């Protein structure tokens, strides 16, 4: 991590909300002074952890909910949070057991029990929302409780199971206030994280206050924070320039980031070489024009990442030629090896082999509301149509609707950003290219699933490198998606705010509790 005088942070996103009754209120001497104002363009799509698997929502969950495990800043191995202890039983990596702390309460005052943990995990899997995190637990057979002990029985080895429990998918909810078979609605939550919800208005504002009854891995909670949500990066920039916000995280306009002055005495900047990636995803369901592998390979033969990197993102991103980004175990370059440079002639031959008429009509959707994404989509459309092989219809869609519609197979191609859930290459495999993956593009391969399973065999994650390279080579061959770029993550902070360098480190957590006024 490179730190200058501004704090630019890494990976992940938006925040939090909380609130309830007098049981949770802070002593008056703890809330003096203005709350720290944080701005973001990420979006919270659901306050119920069973209902969302996106950066904005999970950034919130890490502050208002607890999981059995958590990651300290910079750590690659999780440690207990709501749990006293957790460990695999035996050497098979198929039984994971945790003992719950005995001093935990939800923000409504109710004591947390092992049954709440069991209920939270099983409920999330049972509800199985189209954009939910249930996809992280394909091997979970059952959850058994006895007193304060929770035992997770797996159908196959999974060395990454502790990391998955430490994510937003492992959030513990009150079984008496979260419906068994449907998502909870409304603007309140009952969690046990370091913050509680004071007020929340969707797509607008979240006011957070420290939870005085929090018990867990943290020795100290933070100060009041207000999170402001903006639809477009230009709106976020305007709020920053006006002095309305103290810290920004995801996404400032590329022009602004490229022009940052490290010598500015009024800023604190931390630039993080994050593992955030962006991919062009293909709907491979039967009946889709991109169901034919040759057609997808033709698109991979056309894509030129250069204009995206230089012209649109102004050098704030780097071209990506693999599913697993640089800096992560198992990184390789299968898309550079197979498609080293744009080759329209090769693409034309592949389309002929596919037996399709050209130009082939396809729908291309993306999350609207960001000028850089508008420009990126325009450039990709230009490349696809340049040689008469494709006729592209572009759709700019609101984030929440976009997620639901690509999950339903409404688009032929769509661009999606991805932030790692935990510091392990597995976060780029099963959730993206495994059967029932979170991209919902219909891709399923027994060979791919076998390779993913092989990578989960080893507690020593260095032993997985060869399997991950085979896995990525298969992605390059099947082309369920095309990697476009990876980027650094930037957080800007005023010079009177400390702690922004700890806000995010690639583990899926947003550490608002680290922020302080100087």
Protein backbone atom coordinates (compact mmCIF):
# COMPACT_ATOMS: atom_id res chain seq x y z
CA UNK A 1 0.00 0.00 0.00
CA UNK A 2 1.33 3.40 -0.96
CA UNK A 3 0.42 6.23 1.38
CA UNK A 4 0.82 9.92 0.60
CA UNK A 5 -0.93 12.83 2.23
CA UNK A 6 -4.40 12.07 1.11
CA UNK A 7 -6.09 8.94 1.88
CA UNK A 8 -7.33 6.99 -0.92
CA UNK A 9 -8.68 3.70 0.05
CA UNK A 10 -9.19 0.39 -1.35
CA UNK A 11 -11.89 -1.86 -2.60
CA UNK A 12 -15.36 -1.72 -1.29
CA UNK A 13 -17.90 0.53 -0.73
CA UNK A 14 -20.66 2.27 1.00
CA UNK A 15 -22.26 2.37 4.24
CA UNK A 16 -24.41 2.05 6.90
CA UNK A 17 -27.40 2.71 8.76
CA UNK A 18 -28.76 1.87 12.11
CA UNK A 19 -31.20 2.81 14.77
CA UNK A 20 -33.64 1.77 17.36
CA UNK A 21 -34.70 2.47 20.86
CA UNK A 22 -33.24 4.02 23.94
CA UNK A 23 -31.45 0.77 24.87
CA UNK A 24 -28.90 1.59 22.17
CA UNK A 25 -28.35 5.28 22.74
CA UNK A 26 -24.84 6.56 23.34
CA UNK A 27 -23.88 8.66 26.32
CA UNK A 28 -24.00 12.33 25.39
CA UNK A 29 -20.25 12.81 25.79
CA UNK A 30 -19.66 10.25 23.03
CA UNK A 31 -21.62 12.08 20.32
CA UNK A 32 -20.34 15.61 20.64
CA UNK A 33 -19.09 17.22 17.44
CA UNK A 34 -20.20 16.84 13.87
CA UNK A 35 -20.40 13.31 12.46
CA UNK A 36 -17.78 12.45 9.85
CA UNK A 37 -19.43 12.70 6.44
CA UNK A 38 -18.55 9.93 3.96
CA UNK A 39 -19.60 10.06 0.31
CA UNK A 40 -19.95 7.21 -2.19
CA UNK A 41 -21.68 6.27 -5.43
CA UNK A 42 -22.14 2.68 -4.29
CA UNK A 43 -25.66 1.66 -3.40
CA UNK A 44 -27.26 -0.36 -0.63
CA UNK A 45 -29.74 -2.64 -2.37
CA UNK A 46 -31.06 -4.34 0.78
CA UNK A 47 -30.67 -3.88 4.53
CA UNK A 48 -31.36 -7.60 4.94
CA UNK A 49 -28.10 -9.59 4.55
CA UNK A 50 -30.00 -12.46 2.92
CA UNK A 51 -30.97 -10.15 0.08
CA UNK A 52 -27.80 -8.60 -1.34
CA UNK A 53 -24.39 -9.60 -2.67
CA UNK A 54 -22.87 -6.28 -3.71
CA UNK A 55 -20.15 -3.97 -2.47
CA UNK A 56 -22.40 -1.19 -1.21
CA UNK A 57 -24.62 -3.46 0.84
CA UNK A 58 -21.77 -5.52 2.28
CA UNK A 59 -19.88 -2.40 3.30
CA UNK A 60 -22.93 -1.58 5.37
CA UNK A 61 -23.28 -5.06 6.84
CA UNK A 62 -19.71 -5.01 8.18
CA UNK A 63 -20.69 -2.09 10.40
CA UNK A 64 -24.19 -2.92 11.59
CA UNK A 65 -24.06 -6.73 11.75
CA UNK A 66 -21.62 -9.23 13.20
CA UNK A 67 -20.37 -12.49 11.77
CA UNK A 68 -18.74 -15.29 13.72
CA UNK A 69 -15.40 -14.31 12.18
CA UNK A 70 -13.86 -11.09 10.86
CA UNK A 71 -10.66 -9.74 9.32
CA UNK A 72 -8.42 -7.23 11.00
CA UNK A 73 -6.93 -4.64 8.67
CA UNK A 74 -4.31 -6.21 6.42
CA UNK A 75 -4.92 -9.75 7.66
CA UNK A 76 -5.43 -12.71 5.34
CA UNK A 77 -6.63 -15.09 8.06
CA UNK A 78 -9.91 -14.32 9.86
CA UNK A 79 -10.24 -14.18 13.64
CA UNK A 80 -13.23 -14.59 15.95
CA UNK A 81 -15.71 -11.73 16.30
CA UNK A 82 -19.09 -12.96 17.49
CA UNK A 83 -17.37 -16.27 18.25
CA UNK A 84 -15.04 -17.05 21.14
CA UNK A 85 -13.25 -19.55 18.94
CA UNK A 86 -13.60 -21.38 15.62
CA UNK A 87 -11.72 -24.30 14.10
CA UNK A 88 -11.93 -27.23 11.72
CA UNK A 89 -12.53 -30.54 13.48
CA UNK A 90 -10.20 -33.21 12.15
CA UNK A 91 -8.14 -33.07 8.96
CA UNK A 92 -10.88 -33.47 6.35
CA UNK A 93 -11.86 -29.76 6.24
CA UNK A 94 -15.51 -30.82 6.26
CA UNK A 95 -16.53 -29.99 9.82
CA UNK A 96 -16.15 -26.45 11.11
CA UNK A 97 -17.08 -25.62 14.68
CA UNK A 98 -17.48 -22.32 16.51
CA UNK A 99 -18.30 -21.41 20.10
CA UNK A 100 -20.41 -18.27 20.40
CA UNK A 101 -19.57 -15.50 22.86
CA UNK A 102 -21.91 -15.34 25.85
CA UNK A 103 -22.13 -11.53 26.08
CA UNK A 104 -23.73 -10.54 22.75
CA UNK A 105 -26.99 -8.64 22.24
CA UNK A 106 -28.84 -7.36 19.21
CA UNK A 107 -29.47 -3.63 19.01
CA UNK A 108 -33.04 -4.28 20.23
CA UNK A 109 -31.65 -5.68 23.48
CA UNK A 110 -32.31 -9.38 22.83
CA UNK A 111 -29.50 -11.79 23.74
CA UNK A 112 -27.87 -13.58 20.78
CA UNK A 113 -27.87 -17.37 20.84
CA UNK A 114 -26.38 -20.13 18.70
CA UNK A 115 -29.87 -20.68 17.30
CA UNK A 116 -29.75 -17.16 15.82
CA UNK A 117 -26.53 -18.05 13.99
CA UNK A 118 -28.04 -21.27 12.63
CA UNK A 119 -31.23 -19.44 11.65
CA UNK A 120 -29.30 -16.66 9.85
CA UNK A 121 -27.27 -19.01 7.65
CA UNK A 122 -30.09 -21.43 6.88
CA UNK A 123 -32.54 -18.58 6.22
CA UNK A 124 -30.17 -16.92 3.75
CA UNK A 125 -29.77 -20.19 1.84
CA UNK A 126 -33.48 -21.01 2.01
CA UNK A 127 -34.67 -17.61 0.74
CA UNK A 128 -32.14 -17.91 -2.11
CA UNK A 129 -32.80 -14.48 -3.61
CA UNK A 130 -31.71 -13.95 -7.20
CA UNK A 131 -28.99 -11.49 -6.07
CA UNK A 132 -28.25 -13.01 -2.64
CA UNK A 133 -25.02 -14.49 -1.20
CA UNK A 134 -26.22 -18.10 -0.90
CA UNK A 135 -23.92 -18.98 -3.82
CA UNK A 136 -20.96 -18.86 -1.42
CA UNK A 137 -22.06 -22.02 0.39
CA UNK A 138 -22.59 -24.77 -2.21
CA UNK A 139 -21.02 -27.41 0.06
CA UNK A 140 -22.87 -26.62 3.31
CA UNK A 141 -24.95 -29.69 4.28
CA UNK A 142 -26.36 -28.55 7.60
CA UNK A 143 -25.84 -26.48 10.74
CA UNK A 144 -26.13 -28.09 14.17
CA UNK A 145 -26.21 -26.30 17.53
CA UNK A 146 -25.66 -27.47 21.09
CA UNK A 147 -25.60 -24.80 23.76
CA UNK A 148 -23.24 -22.10 22.48
CA UNK A 149 -21.56 -24.46 19.99
CA UNK A 150 -22.36 -24.20 16.26
CA UNK A 151 -21.19 -26.97 13.93
CA UNK A 152 -21.15 -26.58 10.15
CA UNK A 153 -21.08 -29.86 8.25
CA UNK A 154 -19.83 -29.69 4.66
CA UNK A 155 -20.35 -32.14 1.82
CA UNK A 156 -16.81 -31.58 0.52
CA UNK A 157 -13.54 -30.05 1.65
CA UNK A 158 -13.49 -26.26 1.76
CA UNK A 159 -10.41 -24.60 3.23
CA UNK A 160 -11.97 -21.18 2.61
CA UNK A 161 -15.10 -21.77 4.70
CA UNK A 162 -13.80 -19.61 7.62
CA UNK A 163 -13.22 -16.70 5.20
CA UNK A 164 -16.75 -17.03 3.83
CA UNK A 165 -18.20 -16.90 7.34
CA UNK A 166 -16.31 -13.63 7.87
CA UNK A 167 -18.15 -11.93 4.99
CA UNK A 168 -21.53 -10.23 4.81
CA UNK A 169 -23.00 -13.64 3.99
CA UNK A 170 -22.26 -14.66 7.58
CA UNK A 171 -24.18 -11.75 9.13
CA UNK A 172 -26.16 -12.78 12.22
CA UNK A 173 -29.78 -11.59 12.42
CA UNK A 174 -32.46 -11.82 15.11
CA UNK A 175 -34.61 -14.86 14.37
CA UNK A 176 -37.54 -13.19 16.10
CA UNK A 177 -37.57 -10.10 13.87
CA UNK A 178 -36.39 -11.38 10.45
CA UNK A 179 -39.03 -13.42 8.55
CA UNK A 180 -38.18 -17.07 7.97
CA UNK A 181 -39.02 -17.27 4.27
CA UNK A 182 -38.84 -13.74 2.95
CA UNK A 183 -36.71 -10.63 3.23
CA UNK A 184 -37.30 -8.08 5.94
CA UNK A 185 -38.39 -4.73 4.54
CA UNK A 186 -38.25 -1.21 5.95
CA UNK A 187 -35.44 1.11 7.02
CA UNK A 188 -34.45 -0.42 10.36
CA UNK A 189 -32.18 -3.31 11.34
CA UNK A 190 -31.49 -5.45 14.40
CA UNK A 191 -27.80 -6.25 14.36
CA UNK A 192 -24.92 -6.38 16.82
CA UNK A 193 -22.09 -4.70 14.89
CA UNK A 194 -19.96 -1.75 16.04
CA UNK A 195 -22.57 0.69 14.70
CA UNK A 196 -26.33 0.96 15.06
CA UNK A 197 -28.88 2.49 12.74
CA UNK A 198 -30.13 5.91 13.63
CA UNK A 199 -31.78 6.94 10.37
CA UNK A 200 -31.69 5.66 6.82
CA UNK A 201 -33.14 6.83 3.54
CA UNK A 202 -32.47 4.63 0.53
CA UNK A 203 -30.12 6.10 -2.08
CA UNK A 204 -29.75 9.23 0.03
CA UNK A 205 -28.34 9.09 3.55
CA UNK A 206 -27.43 6.80 6.44
CA UNK A 207 -26.74 8.10 9.92
CA UNK A 208 -24.69 5.81 12.15
CA UNK A 209 -23.80 6.01 15.81
CA UNK A 210 -21.43 3.73 17.72
CA UNK A 211 -23.01 0.72 19.39
CA UNK A 212 -22.22 1.05 23.11
CA UNK A 213 -23.09 -2.61 23.70
CA UNK A 214 -20.88 -4.07 20.97
CA UNK A 215 -18.68 -6.99 22.05
CA UNK A 216 -16.28 -8.67 19.66
CA UNK A 217 -12.91 -8.42 17.94
CA UNK A 218 -12.76 -4.61 18.19
CA UNK A 219 -11.52 -3.09 21.41
CA UNK A 220 -13.09 0.28 20.60
CA UNK A 221 -15.90 1.45 18.35
CA UNK A 222 -15.77 4.63 16.31
CA UNK A 223 -17.42 8.04 16.19
CA UNK A 224 -20.72 9.05 14.57
CA UNK A 225 -20.67 8.83 10.79
CA UNK A 226 -23.12 10.06 8.17
CA UNK A 227 -22.96 8.38 4.76
CA UNK A 228 -24.19 10.26 1.72
CA UNK A 229 -25.09 8.27 -1.39
CA UNK A 230 -24.74 9.84 -4.84
CA UNK A 231 -26.07 8.55 -8.14
CA UNK A 232 -23.21 9.85 -10.30
CA UNK A 233 -19.50 10.37 -9.76
CA UNK A 234 -19.86 14.00 -10.82
CA UNK A 235 -22.35 14.53 -7.98
CA UNK A 236 -19.85 13.00 -5.55
CA UNK A 237 -17.14 15.31 -6.88
CA UNK A 238 -19.39 18.35 -6.47
CA UNK A 239 -20.12 17.39 -2.84
CA UNK A 240 -16.39 17.00 -2.21
CA UNK A 241 -15.56 20.38 -3.74
CA UNK A 242 -18.31 22.08 -1.73
CA UNK A 243 -16.96 20.68 1.53
CA UNK A 244 -20.12 18.69 2.27
CA UNK A 245 -18.21 15.44 2.78
CA UNK A 246 -15.00 14.63 4.66
CA UNK A 247 -14.11 11.28 3.04
CA UNK A 248 -14.91 9.83 -0.40
CA UNK A 249 -14.75 6.21 -1.49
CA UNK A 250 -15.95 4.88 -4.82
CA UNK A 251 -16.23 6.42 -7.33
CA UNK A 252 -14.65 9.75 -8.14
CA UNK A 253 -14.41 10.64 -11.87
CA UNK A 254 -11.24 9.29 -13.56
CA UNK A 255 -10.23 12.80 -14.64
CA UNK A 256 -10.20 13.95 -11.04
CA UNK A 257 -8.24 10.92 -9.81
CA UNK A 258 -5.67 11.27 -12.59
CA UNK A 259 -5.12 14.92 -11.65
CA UNK A 260 -4.66 14.37 -7.91
CA UNK A 261 -1.89 16.45 -6.38
CA UNK A 262 -0.11 14.51 -3.60
CA UNK A 263 1.34 17.78 -2.37
CA UNK A 264 -2.02 19.35 -1.62
CA UNK A 265 -1.83 20.24 2.10
CA UNK A 266 -5.60 19.98 2.53
CA UNK A 267 -5.83 16.32 1.56
CA UNK A 268 -4.90 12.90 2.85
CA UNK A 269 -4.62 10.25 0.14
CA UNK A 270 -4.05 6.52 0.30
CA UNK A 271 -3.69 4.68 -2.99
CA UNK A 272 -4.26 0.97 -2.79
CA UNK A 273 -3.38 -1.60 -5.43
CA UNK A 274 -6.73 -3.28 -5.00
CA UNK A 275 -8.06 -6.44 -6.57
CA UNK A 276 -11.16 -4.78 -8.00
CA UNK A 277 -11.86 -5.97 -11.53
CA UNK A 278 -14.38 -5.28 -14.28
CA UNK A 279 -15.60 -7.89 -16.73
CA UNK A 280 -17.79 -8.16 -19.80
CA UNK A 281 -20.18 -11.02 -18.99
CA UNK A 282 -22.02 -13.15 -21.56
CA UNK A 283 -25.43 -14.76 -21.23
CA UNK A 284 -24.70 -18.34 -22.34
CA UNK A 285 -28.22 -19.72 -21.80
CA UNK A 286 -29.78 -21.70 -24.62
CA UNK A 287 -31.45 -19.29 -27.03
CA UNK A 288 -29.04 -16.44 -26.35
CA UNK A 289 -27.07 -15.23 -29.41
CA UNK A 290 -23.97 -15.67 -27.25
CA UNK A 291 -24.69 -19.29 -26.31
CA UNK A 292 -22.25 -20.39 -29.02
CA UNK A 293 -18.68 -20.48 -27.68
CA UNK A 294 -17.26 -19.46 -31.06
CA UNK A 295 -19.23 -16.21 -30.95
CA UNK A 296 -17.86 -15.42 -27.49
CA UNK A 297 -14.35 -16.19 -28.66
CA UNK A 298 -14.92 -13.82 -31.57
CA UNK A 299 -15.76 -11.02 -29.13
CA UNK A 300 -12.64 -11.82 -27.10
CA UNK A 301 -10.66 -11.52 -30.34
CA UNK A 302 -12.04 -8.02 -30.96
CA UNK A 303 -11.76 -6.37 -27.53
CA UNK A 304 -9.04 -3.73 -27.26
CA UNK A 305 -8.42 -2.71 -23.65
CA UNK A 306 -6.03 0.11 -24.55
CA UNK A 307 -8.63 2.84 -25.20
CA UNK A 308 -10.45 1.91 -21.98
CA UNK A 309 -7.29 2.27 -19.91
CA UNK A 310 -5.89 5.44 -21.48
CA UNK A 311 -8.77 7.44 -22.93
CA UNK A 312 -11.63 6.66 -20.57
CA UNK A 313 -10.03 5.83 -17.22
CA UNK A 314 -6.99 8.09 -17.70
CA UNK A 315 -4.49 5.51 -16.48
CA UNK A 316 -6.30 4.86 -13.18
CA UNK A 317 -6.91 1.23 -14.25
CA UNK A 318 -4.69 -1.47 -15.75
CA UNK A 319 -5.61 -3.94 -18.51
CA UNK A 320 -6.63 -7.34 -17.17
CA UNK A 321 -6.14 -10.60 -19.07
CA UNK A 322 -7.26 -13.12 -16.45
CA UNK A 323 -10.07 -13.82 -14.03
CA UNK A 324 -7.71 -13.53 -11.03
CA UNK A 325 -6.04 -10.09 -10.92
CA UNK A 326 -2.40 -9.27 -10.47
CA UNK A 327 -1.17 -9.58 -6.91
CA UNK A 328 -3.42 -12.55 -6.08
CA UNK A 329 -2.26 -16.19 -5.88
CA UNK A 330 -2.90 -17.99 -9.15
CA UNK A 331 -2.80 -14.95 -11.45
CA UNK A 332 -1.96 -15.75 -15.07
CA UNK A 333 -2.69 -14.21 -18.47
CA UNK A 334 -4.86 -16.66 -20.48
CA UNK A 335 -6.65 -13.91 -22.42
CA UNK A 336 -3.36 -12.33 -23.47
CA UNK A 337 -2.00 -15.75 -24.44
CA UNK A 338 -5.09 -16.65 -26.48
CA UNK A 339 -6.04 -13.16 -27.74
CA UNK A 340 -2.80 -11.10 -27.64
CA UNK A 341 -4.13 -8.22 -29.75
CA UNK A 342 -7.37 -7.25 -31.52
CA UNK A 343 -7.76 -9.51 -34.56
CA UNK A 344 -10.90 -8.79 -36.64
CA UNK A 345 -9.97 -11.40 -39.25
CA UNK A 346 -9.79 -14.12 -36.64
CA UNK A 347 -13.10 -12.92 -35.22
CA UNK A 348 -14.68 -13.10 -38.69
CA UNK A 349 -13.52 -16.72 -39.12
CA UNK A 350 -14.88 -17.66 -35.71
CA UNK A 351 -18.27 -16.17 -36.59
CA UNK A 352 -18.27 -18.17 -39.82
CA UNK A 353 -17.46 -21.34 -37.86
CA UNK A 354 -20.36 -20.52 -35.53
CA UNK A 355 -22.66 -20.42 -38.54
CA UNK A 356 -24.34 -17.14 -37.59
CA UNK A 357 -25.44 -14.28 -39.81
CA UNK A 358 -23.63 -11.01 -39.38
CA UNK A 359 -24.11 -8.46 -38.09
CA UNK A 360 -25.41 -10.44 -35.13
CA UNK A 361 -27.86 -8.40 -33.00
CA UNK A 362 -27.08 -8.38 -29.26
CA UNK A 363 -28.30 -6.38 -26.26
CA UNK A 364 -25.58 -4.84 -24.08
CA UNK A 365 -26.55 -3.52 -20.64
CA UNK A 366 -24.65 -1.69 -17.95
CA UNK A 367 -25.25 0.18 -14.71
CA UNK A 368 -26.21 3.72 -15.63
CA UNK A 369 -25.49 6.93 -13.77
CA UNK A 370 -21.74 7.14 -14.27
CA UNK A 371 -20.08 9.05 -17.09
CA UNK A 372 -17.10 6.69 -17.21
CA UNK A 373 -19.39 3.69 -17.64
CA UNK A 374 -21.26 5.57 -20.39
CA UNK A 375 -17.99 6.18 -22.22
CA UNK A 376 -16.73 2.63 -21.61
CA UNK A 377 -19.90 1.14 -23.06
CA UNK A 378 -19.72 3.47 -26.04
CA UNK A 379 -16.16 2.39 -26.77
CA UNK A 380 -16.97 -1.32 -26.44
CA UNK A 381 -19.95 -0.88 -28.74
CA UNK A 382 -17.74 0.87 -31.29
CA UNK A 383 -15.24 -2.00 -31.19
CA UNK A 384 -17.93 -4.68 -31.58
CA UNK A 385 -19.60 -2.95 -34.50
CA UNK A 386 -16.45 -1.69 -36.27
CA UNK A 387 -16.07 -4.66 -38.63
CA UNK A 388 -19.73 -5.41 -39.19
CA UNK A 389 -19.85 -8.54 -37.04
CA UNK A 390 -22.30 -7.29 -34.41
CA UNK A 391 -25.21 -4.88 -34.11
CA UNK A 392 -25.33 -3.68 -30.50
CA UNK A 393 -28.36 -2.30 -28.69
CA UNK A 394 -27.23 -0.53 -25.51
CA UNK A 395 -29.30 -0.30 -22.32
CA UNK A 396 -28.37 1.93 -19.39
CA UNK A 397 -30.16 0.58 -16.31
CA UNK A 398 -30.55 1.58 -12.65
CA UNK A 399 -28.35 -0.60 -10.42
CA UNK A 400 -31.07 -2.46 -8.52
CA UNK A 401 -33.09 -3.17 -11.67
CA UNK A 402 -29.90 -4.04 -13.55
CA UNK A 403 -28.96 -6.75 -11.02
CA UNK A 404 -32.39 -8.36 -11.12
CA UNK A 405 -32.65 -8.27 -14.91
CA UNK A 406 -29.24 -9.73 -15.69
CA UNK A 407 -29.98 -12.44 -13.12
CA UNK A 408 -33.17 -13.17 -15.08
CA UNK A 409 -31.29 -13.43 -18.39
CA UNK A 410 -32.73 -10.23 -19.89
CA UNK A 411 -29.45 -9.17 -21.57
CA UNK A 412 -27.02 -10.88 -23.94
CA UNK A 413 -23.96 -9.09 -22.53
CA UNK A 414 -23.37 -6.84 -19.55
CA UNK A 415 -20.46 -5.26 -17.70
CA UNK A 416 -20.03 -5.95 -13.99
CA UNK A 417 -17.42 -4.82 -11.48
CA UNK A 418 -16.21 -7.28 -8.86
CA UNK A 419 -14.60 -6.68 -5.49
CA UNK A 420 -13.11 -9.58 -3.53
CA UNK A 421 -15.15 -10.80 -0.57
CA UNK A 422 -12.09 -12.12 1.24
CA UNK A 423 -8.32 -12.27 0.54
CA UNK A 424 -8.21 -15.52 -1.41
CA UNK A 425 -8.33 -16.36 -5.13
CA UNK A 426 -11.44 -18.47 -4.46
CA UNK A 427 -13.44 -15.24 -4.36
CA UNK A 428 -12.78 -14.93 -8.12
CA UNK A 429 -13.66 -18.53 -9.02
CA UNK A 430 -16.80 -20.13 -7.52
CA UNK A 431 -18.80 -16.85 -7.31
CA UNK A 432 -17.94 -15.91 -10.92
CA UNK A 433 -17.59 -19.12 -12.95
CA UNK A 434 -18.87 -21.96 -10.78
CA UNK A 435 -22.29 -23.50 -11.34
CA UNK A 436 -25.01 -21.23 -9.88
CA UNK A 437 -22.54 -18.35 -9.92
CA UNK A 438 -23.41 -14.84 -8.78
CA UNK A 439 -23.20 -13.45 -12.34
CA UNK A 440 -26.26 -15.56 -13.24
CA UNK A 441 -25.17 -15.94 -16.85
CA UNK A 442 -26.09 -19.60 -17.19
CA UNK A 443 -22.50 -20.85 -17.35
CA UNK A 444 -21.95 -24.30 -15.88
CA UNK A 445 -19.08 -26.69 -16.52
CA UNK A 446 -18.33 -29.97 -14.73
CA UNK A 447 -14.67 -29.51 -15.56
CA UNK A 448 -14.71 -26.02 -14.06
CA UNK A 449 -16.51 -27.19 -10.93
CA UNK A 450 -13.94 -29.97 -10.51
CA UNK A 451 -11.08 -27.47 -10.76
CA UNK A 452 -12.77 -25.17 -8.24
CA UNK A 453 -13.20 -28.14 -5.91
CA UNK A 454 -9.53 -29.01 -6.29
CA UNK A 455 -8.50 -25.49 -5.20
CA UNK A 456 -10.49 -25.86 -1.97
CA UNK A 457 -8.57 -28.94 -0.81
CA UNK A 458 -5.61 -27.17 0.72
CA UNK A 459 -5.21 -25.06 3.84
CA UNK A 460 -1.85 -24.03 2.40
CA UNK A 461 -3.22 -21.75 -0.29
CA UNK A 462 0.11 -21.61 -2.11
CA UNK A 463 -0.52 -25.20 -3.23
CA UNK A 464 -3.49 -24.07 -5.32
CA UNK A 465 -1.53 -22.11 -7.94
CA UNK A 466 -1.37 -24.85 -10.59
CA UNK A 467 -5.10 -25.57 -10.34
CA UNK A 468 -5.97 -21.88 -10.57
CA UNK A 469 -3.91 -21.55 -13.74
CA UNK A 470 -5.78 -24.51 -15.26
CA UNK A 471 -9.05 -22.95 -14.16
CA UNK A 472 -8.21 -19.64 -15.81
CA UNK A 473 -7.08 -21.33 -19.00
CA UNK A 474 -10.53 -22.95 -19.16
CA UNK A 475 -12.14 -19.52 -18.72
CA UNK A 476 -10.04 -18.32 -21.67
CA UNK A 477 -11.31 -21.23 -23.74
CA UNK A 478 -15.00 -21.18 -22.76
CA UNK A 479 -15.18 -17.36 -22.49
CA UNK A 480 -18.20 -16.99 -20.19
CA UNK A 481 -16.78 -13.51 -19.64
CA UNK A 482 -13.93 -11.27 -20.80
CA UNK A 483 -11.78 -9.54 -18.15
CA UNK A 484 -11.35 -5.84 -18.99
CA UNK A 485 -9.37 -4.10 -16.26
CA UNK A 486 -8.33 -3.97 -12.64
CA UNK A 487 -7.88 -0.79 -10.70
CA UNK A 488 -6.44 0.94 -7.71
CA UNK A 489 -8.95 2.13 -5.18
CA UNK A 490 -8.97 5.72 -4.05
CA UNK A 491 -10.24 7.32 -0.86
CA UNK A 492 -9.83 11.01 -0.35
CA UNK A 493 -9.94 12.51 3.10
CA UNK A 494 -9.74 16.00 4.55
CA UNK A 495 -6.61 16.78 6.49
CA UNK A 496 -8.55 16.86 9.77
CA UNK A 497 -9.73 13.22 9.44
CA UNK A 498 -7.52 10.25 10.31
CA UNK A 499 -7.92 6.52 9.75
CA UNK A 500 -9.00 6.48 6.12
CA UNK A 501 -6.03 4.31 5.17
CA UNK A 502 -7.68 1.50 7.14
CA UNK A 503 -11.15 1.91 5.67
CA UNK A 504 -10.79 -0.95 3.19
CA UNK A 505 -8.09 -3.48 2.38
CA UNK A 506 -9.73 -6.00 0.08
CA UNK A 507 -11.47 -8.18 2.65
CA UNK A 508 -14.96 -6.89 1.93
CA UNK A 509 -15.11 -4.79 5.09
CA UNK A 510 -15.65 -1.04 5.37
CA UNK A 511 -14.04 0.02 8.65
CA UNK A 512 -15.90 3.21 9.48
CA UNK A 513 -14.86 2.76 13.10
CA UNK A 514 -11.28 3.70 12.13
CA UNK A 515 -12.26 7.26 11.17
CA UNK A 516 -11.54 10.03 13.66
CA UNK A 517 -11.31 13.81 13.66
CA UNK A 518 -7.87 15.15 14.40
